[in-house]
Amino acid sequence: MRNSFLGKRIRGGGYAIKGAWLLLKHEQSIQVQFVIAIIMCVAGYFFEITKTEWMFQFLAIGLIMTAEGLNSALEAMADFVHPDFHNKIGHIKDIAAGAVFIAAITAVIIGAIIYFPYIF
């Protein structure tokens, strides 16, 4: 079963869970985003947001966590390939950080659309 289709999928899922755990354990940006995600979920519970609002909130959280994870992986790969400072590597890292920034702004806008009516 180890090399079967199902066995490979199960093993791949294990690698994905391991990767998510490594992100949460070692990456400060993911840890910060995880705490913010918990706070937003508590807020959602407190304000009794709708199912649709929950969906958008979880999509925003997933967007941020995914962008942060990909950014961390890209930075680690860039540092492995070229450990010393290099302008091109810096440019690539800046673009990846910019993608995280766009995801963060999107999540803030979604959060504002959801929570402003409850707060004001």
N, C-alpha and C. Protein backbone atom coordinates (compact mmCIF):
# COMPACT_ATOMS: atom_id res chain seq x y z
N MET A 1 0.83 -1.20 0.00
CA MET A 1 0.00 0.00 0.00
C MET A 1 0.87 1.26 0.00
N ARG A 2 2.12 1.14 0.41
CA ARG A 2 3.01 2.29 0.52
C ARG A 2 3.16 3.05 -0.80
N ASN A 3 3.24 2.33 -1.92
CA ASN A 3 3.42 2.99 -3.22
C ASN A 3 2.13 3.06 -4.03
N SER A 4 1.02 2.71 -3.42
CA SER A 4 -0.26 2.82 -4.11
C SER A 4 -0.68 4.28 -4.19
N PHE A 5 -1.68 4.53 -5.01
CA PHE A 5 -2.20 5.90 -5.13
C PHE A 5 -2.63 6.44 -3.77
N LEU A 6 -3.40 5.65 -3.03
CA LEU A 6 -3.89 6.08 -1.72
C LEU A 6 -2.74 6.26 -0.74
N GLY A 7 -1.79 5.34 -0.76
CA GLY A 7 -0.64 5.44 0.14
C GLY A 7 0.16 6.71 -0.10
N LYS A 8 0.36 7.05 -1.38
CA LYS A 8 1.09 8.28 -1.71
C LYS A 8 0.33 9.52 -1.26
N ARG A 9 -1.00 9.49 -1.40
CA ARG A 9 -1.81 10.64 -0.96
C ARG A 9 -1.74 10.80 0.56
N ILE A 10 -1.81 9.69 1.28
CA ILE A 10 -1.74 9.74 2.75
C ILE A 10 -0.37 10.27 3.17
N ARG A 11 0.69 9.78 2.53
CA ARG A 11 2.04 10.25 2.85
C ARG A 11 2.17 11.74 2.54
N GLY A 12 1.61 12.16 1.39
CA GLY A 12 1.65 13.58 1.02
C GLY A 12 0.91 14.45 2.03
N GLY A 13 -0.22 13.94 2.53
CA GLY A 13 -0.96 14.67 3.56
C GLY A 13 -0.14 14.81 4.83
N GLY A 14 0.61 13.77 5.15
CA GLY A 14 1.48 13.83 6.32
C GLY A 14 2.56 14.89 6.17
N TYR A 15 3.13 14.99 4.96
CA TYR A 15 4.14 16.03 4.71
C TYR A 15 3.51 17.42 4.84
N ALA A 16 2.28 17.58 4.36
CA ALA A 16 1.60 18.87 4.45
C ALA A 16 1.34 19.26 5.90
N ILE A 17 0.90 18.30 6.71
CA ILE A 17 0.66 18.57 8.13
C ILE A 17 1.98 18.92 8.81
N LYS A 18 3.04 18.20 8.48
CA LYS A 18 4.36 18.49 9.04
C LYS A 18 4.80 19.91 8.67
N GLY A 19 4.58 20.30 7.40
CA GLY A 19 4.94 21.64 6.95
C GLY A 19 4.16 22.72 7.67
N ALA A 20 2.86 22.49 7.87
CA ALA A 20 2.04 23.47 8.59
C ALA A 20 2.53 23.60 10.03
N TRP A 21 2.86 22.47 10.65
CA TRP A 21 3.37 22.49 12.03
C TRP A 21 4.71 23.24 12.09
N LEU A 22 5.60 22.99 11.12
CA LEU A 22 6.89 23.69 11.10
C LEU A 22 6.70 25.19 10.94
N LEU A 23 5.75 25.59 10.10
CA LEU A 23 5.45 27.02 9.95
C LEU A 23 5.02 27.62 11.28
N LEU A 24 4.06 26.97 11.93
CA LEU A 24 3.55 27.50 13.20
C LEU A 24 4.62 27.50 14.29
N LYS A 25 5.49 26.53 14.24
CA LYS A 25 6.51 26.39 15.29
C LYS A 25 7.68 27.36 15.12
N HIS A 26 8.06 27.65 13.87
CA HIS A 26 9.30 28.38 13.64
C HIS A 26 9.17 29.77 13.01
N GLU A 27 8.06 30.04 12.36
CA GLU A 27 7.95 31.31 11.63
C GLU A 27 7.13 32.33 12.43
N GLN A 28 7.79 33.40 12.85
CA GLN A 28 7.11 34.41 13.66
C GLN A 28 5.95 35.08 12.92
N SER A 29 6.11 35.29 11.63
CA SER A 29 5.02 35.95 10.89
C SER A 29 3.76 35.08 10.90
N ILE A 30 3.91 33.78 10.77
CA ILE A 30 2.77 32.87 10.83
C ILE A 30 2.19 32.84 12.24
N GLN A 31 3.05 32.87 13.24
CA GLN A 31 2.58 32.86 14.63
C GLN A 31 1.73 34.10 14.91
N VAL A 32 2.17 35.25 14.43
CA VAL A 32 1.41 36.49 14.62
C VAL A 32 0.08 36.38 13.90
N GLN A 33 0.10 35.91 12.65
CA GLN A 33 -1.14 35.78 11.89
C GLN A 33 -2.08 34.76 12.53
N PHE A 34 -1.53 33.71 13.13
CA PHE A 34 -2.35 32.71 13.80
C PHE A 34 -3.06 33.30 15.00
N VAL A 35 -2.35 34.12 15.78
CA VAL A 35 -2.96 34.78 16.93
C VAL A 35 -4.07 35.74 16.47
N ILE A 36 -3.79 36.49 15.40
CA ILE A 36 -4.80 37.40 14.86
C ILE A 36 -6.02 36.60 14.38
N ALA A 37 -5.78 35.45 13.76
CA ALA A 37 -6.88 34.59 13.29
C ALA A 37 -7.75 34.13 14.46
N ILE A 38 -7.11 33.76 15.55
CA ILE A 38 -7.87 33.35 16.74
C ILE A 38 -8.69 34.51 17.28
N ILE A 39 -8.09 35.70 17.35
CA ILE A 39 -8.82 36.88 17.82
C ILE A 39 -10.02 37.16 16.92
N MET A 40 -9.84 37.04 15.61
CA MET A 40 -10.93 37.29 14.68
C MET A 40 -12.04 36.24 14.82
N CYS A 41 -11.66 35.02 15.11
CA CYS A 41 -12.67 33.98 15.32
C CYS A 41 -13.46 34.22 16.61
N VAL A 42 -12.76 34.68 17.64
CA VAL A 42 -13.45 35.03 18.89
C VAL A 42 -14.40 36.19 18.63
N ALA A 43 -13.94 37.18 17.85
CA ALA A 43 -14.80 38.32 17.50
C ALA A 43 -16.02 37.85 16.71
N GLY A 44 -15.80 36.93 15.78
CA GLY A 44 -16.92 36.39 15.01
C GLY A 44 -17.94 35.71 15.88
N TYR A 45 -17.46 34.96 16.84
CA TYR A 45 -18.35 34.29 17.79
C TYR A 45 -19.10 35.32 18.64
N PHE A 46 -18.37 36.33 19.13
CA PHE A 46 -18.95 37.37 19.99
C PHE A 46 -20.03 38.15 19.25
N PHE A 47 -19.75 38.54 18.01
CA PHE A 47 -20.70 39.34 17.24
C PHE A 47 -21.74 38.50 16.50
N GLU A 48 -21.62 37.20 16.61
CA GLU A 48 -22.55 36.27 15.95
C GLU A 48 -22.67 36.58 14.46
N ILE A 49 -21.54 36.59 13.78
CA ILE A 49 -21.55 36.88 12.35
C ILE A 49 -22.25 35.75 11.59
N THR A 50 -22.71 36.06 10.39
CA THR A 50 -23.48 35.10 9.60
C THR A 50 -22.56 34.03 9.00
N LYS A 51 -23.18 32.98 8.48
CA LYS A 51 -22.41 31.91 7.82
C LYS A 51 -21.60 32.45 6.65
N THR A 52 -22.20 33.33 5.90
CA THR A 52 -21.49 33.93 4.76
C THR A 52 -20.30 34.75 5.24
N GLU A 53 -20.49 35.50 6.30
CA GLU A 53 -19.38 36.28 6.86
C GLU A 53 -18.28 35.36 7.38
N TRP A 54 -18.65 34.24 7.99
CA TRP A 54 -17.66 33.25 8.44
C TRP A 54 -16.86 32.74 7.25
N MET A 55 -17.56 32.46 6.15
CA MET A 55 -16.86 31.96 4.96
C MET A 55 -15.83 32.96 4.46
N PHE A 56 -16.24 34.21 4.37
CA PHE A 56 -15.30 35.23 3.91
C PHE A 56 -14.16 35.42 4.91
N GLN A 57 -14.47 35.36 6.20
CA GLN A 57 -13.42 35.50 7.21
C GLN A 57 -12.41 34.36 7.09
N PHE A 58 -12.89 33.13 6.95
CA PHE A 58 -11.96 32.00 6.83
C PHE A 58 -11.18 32.04 5.52
N LEU A 59 -11.81 32.53 4.45
CA LEU A 59 -11.07 32.71 3.20
C LEU A 59 -9.96 33.74 3.37
N ALA A 60 -10.25 34.83 4.07
CA ALA A 60 -9.24 35.86 4.31
C ALA A 60 -8.10 35.30 5.17
N ILE A 61 -8.45 34.56 6.22
CA ILE A 61 -7.43 33.95 7.08
C ILE A 61 -6.58 32.98 6.26
N GLY A 62 -7.23 32.16 5.45
CA GLY A 62 -6.50 31.21 4.62
C GLY A 62 -5.60 31.91 3.62
N LEU A 63 -6.08 33.01 3.04
CA LEU A 63 -5.28 33.78 2.09
C LEU A 63 -4.01 34.29 2.75
N ILE A 64 -4.15 34.87 3.93
CA ILE A 64 -3.00 35.41 4.65
C ILE A 64 -2.01 34.31 5.01
N MET A 65 -2.52 33.23 5.61
CA MET A 65 -1.64 32.15 6.05
C MET A 65 -0.92 31.51 4.86
N THR A 66 -1.62 31.35 3.75
CA THR A 66 -1.01 30.79 2.55
C THR A 66 0.08 31.71 2.02
N ALA A 67 -0.23 32.99 1.91
CA ALA A 67 0.76 33.94 1.41
C ALA A 67 1.99 33.99 2.31
N GLU A 68 1.77 34.00 3.62
CA GLU A 68 2.89 34.02 4.56
C GLU A 68 3.73 32.74 4.44
N GLY A 69 3.06 31.60 4.30
CA GLY A 69 3.78 30.33 4.16
C GLY A 69 4.60 30.28 2.89
N LEU A 70 4.01 30.70 1.77
CA LEU A 70 4.75 30.72 0.51
C LEU A 70 5.91 31.71 0.56
N ASN A 71 5.68 32.86 1.19
CA ASN A 71 6.76 33.84 1.34
C ASN A 71 7.90 33.25 2.17
N SER A 72 7.58 32.57 3.26
CA SER A 72 8.62 31.96 4.10
C SER A 72 9.40 30.90 3.33
N ALA A 73 8.69 30.09 2.55
CA ALA A 73 9.35 29.05 1.76
C ALA A 73 10.25 29.67 0.70
N LEU A 74 9.76 30.72 0.03
CA LEU A 74 10.57 31.37 -0.99
C LEU A 74 11.81 32.01 -0.40
N GLU A 75 11.66 32.66 0.75
CA GLU A 75 12.82 33.28 1.41
C GLU A 75 13.85 32.23 1.82
N ALA A 76 13.37 31.10 2.36
CA ALA A 76 14.30 30.04 2.77
C ALA A 76 15.03 29.48 1.55
N MET A 77 14.32 29.30 0.46
CA MET A 77 14.95 28.79 -0.75
C MET A 77 15.97 29.79 -1.30
N ALA A 78 15.61 31.06 -1.31
CA ALA A 78 16.52 32.09 -1.81
C ALA A 78 17.78 32.15 -0.95
N ASP A 79 17.61 32.06 0.37
CA ASP A 79 18.77 32.08 1.27
C ASP A 79 19.65 30.84 1.08
N PHE A 80 19.04 29.72 0.76
CA PHE A 80 19.79 28.48 0.52
C PHE A 80 20.59 28.59 -0.78
N VAL A 81 19.95 29.11 -1.82
CA VAL A 81 20.59 29.21 -3.13
C VAL A 81 21.69 30.26 -3.11
N HIS A 82 21.45 31.38 -2.45
CA HIS A 82 22.43 32.48 -2.43
C HIS A 82 22.45 33.09 -1.03
N PRO A 83 23.26 32.50 -0.10
CA PRO A 83 23.24 32.95 1.30
C PRO A 83 23.72 34.39 1.50
N ASP A 84 24.57 34.89 0.63
CA ASP A 84 25.06 36.26 0.76
C ASP A 84 24.07 37.23 0.12
N PHE A 85 24.20 38.51 0.48
CA PHE A 85 23.31 39.51 -0.10
C PHE A 85 23.51 39.57 -1.61
N HIS A 86 22.39 39.64 -2.31
CA HIS A 86 22.42 39.81 -3.76
C HIS A 86 21.20 40.64 -4.15
N ASN A 87 21.40 41.62 -5.02
CA ASN A 87 20.30 42.52 -5.40
C ASN A 87 19.11 41.77 -5.99
N LYS A 88 19.35 40.79 -6.85
CA LYS A 88 18.25 40.03 -7.47
C LYS A 88 17.47 39.24 -6.41
N ILE A 89 18.18 38.63 -5.48
CA ILE A 89 17.51 37.87 -4.40
C ILE A 89 16.68 38.83 -3.56
N GLY A 90 17.25 40.00 -3.25
CA GLY A 90 16.51 41.01 -2.49
C GLY A 90 15.26 41.45 -3.22
N HIS A 91 15.36 41.61 -4.53
CA HIS A 91 14.21 42.00 -5.34
C HIS A 91 13.13 40.92 -5.29
N ILE A 92 13.53 39.67 -5.42
CA ILE A 92 12.58 38.55 -5.36
C ILE A 92 11.88 38.51 -4.00
N LYS A 93 12.66 38.68 -2.92
CA LYS A 93 12.07 38.69 -1.58
C LYS A 93 11.11 39.85 -1.39
N ASP A 94 11.44 41.01 -1.95
CA ASP A 94 10.56 42.17 -1.85
C ASP A 94 9.23 41.91 -2.57
N ILE A 95 9.28 41.27 -3.72
CA ILE A 95 8.06 40.94 -4.46
C ILE A 95 7.20 39.99 -3.64
N ALA A 96 7.82 38.97 -3.05
CA ALA A 96 7.07 38.01 -2.22
C ALA A 96 6.44 38.71 -1.01
N ALA A 97 7.19 39.61 -0.39
CA ALA A 97 6.66 40.36 0.74
C ALA A 97 5.51 41.27 0.28
N GLY A 98 5.62 41.80 -0.92
CA GLY A 98 4.55 42.61 -1.47
C GLY A 98 3.26 41.81 -1.66
N ALA A 99 3.41 40.55 -2.05
CA ALA A 99 2.23 39.68 -2.20
C ALA A 99 1.56 39.46 -0.85
N VAL A 100 2.36 39.29 0.19
CA VAL A 100 1.80 39.14 1.54
C VAL A 100 1.08 40.43 1.94
N PHE A 101 1.67 41.57 1.61
CA PHE A 101 1.06 42.86 1.93
C PHE A 101 -0.30 43.00 1.24
N ILE A 102 -0.38 42.61 -0.02
CA ILE A 102 -1.66 42.67 -0.75
C ILE A 102 -2.69 41.76 -0.09
N ALA A 103 -2.27 40.56 0.29
CA ALA A 103 -3.18 39.64 0.98
C ALA A 103 -3.65 40.24 2.30
N ALA A 104 -2.74 40.88 3.03
CA ALA A 104 -3.08 41.48 4.32
C ALA A 104 -4.07 42.63 4.14
N ILE A 105 -3.84 43.47 3.16
CA ILE A 105 -4.77 44.58 2.91
C ILE A 105 -6.14 44.03 2.53
N THR A 106 -6.16 42.99 1.72
CA THR A 106 -7.43 42.37 1.34
C THR A 106 -8.15 41.84 2.57
N ALA A 107 -7.42 41.18 3.46
CA ALA A 107 -8.03 40.64 4.68
C ALA A 107 -8.55 41.75 5.58
N VAL A 108 -7.83 42.86 5.68
CA VAL A 108 -8.28 43.99 6.50
C VAL A 108 -9.57 44.56 5.91
N ILE A 109 -9.64 44.68 4.61
CA ILE A 109 -10.85 45.20 3.96
C ILE A 109 -12.02 44.27 4.22
N ILE A 110 -11.80 42.96 4.08
CA ILE A 110 -12.86 41.98 4.36
C ILE A 110 -13.30 42.10 5.82
N GLY A 111 -12.34 42.20 6.73
CA GLY A 111 -12.67 42.35 8.14
C GLY A 111 -13.47 43.62 8.41
N ALA A 112 -13.09 44.70 7.75
CA ALA A 112 -13.81 45.96 7.93
C ALA A 112 -15.25 45.84 7.42
N ILE A 113 -15.41 45.21 6.27
CA ILE A 113 -16.76 45.04 5.71
C ILE A 113 -17.62 44.20 6.65
N ILE A 114 -17.02 43.18 7.24
CA ILE A 114 -17.78 42.31 8.14
C ILE A 114 -18.10 43.00 9.45
N TYR A 115 -17.09 43.63 10.10
CA TYR A 115 -17.24 44.05 11.49
C TYR A 115 -17.72 45.49 11.68
N PHE A 116 -17.51 46.39 10.72
CA PHE A 116 -17.97 47.77 10.93
C PHE A 116 -19.46 47.86 11.23
N PRO A 117 -20.32 47.13 10.51
CA PRO A 117 -21.75 47.21 10.84
C PRO A 117 -22.08 46.73 12.26
N TYR A 118 -21.31 45.80 12.79
CA TYR A 118 -21.55 45.29 14.15
C TYR A 118 -21.02 46.28 15.20
N ILE A 119 -19.95 46.97 14.88
CA ILE A 119 -19.31 47.87 15.84
C ILE A 119 -19.97 49.24 15.85
N PHE A 120 -20.33 49.75 14.66
CA PHE A 120 -20.84 51.12 14.55
C PHE A 120 -22.32 51.11 14.31
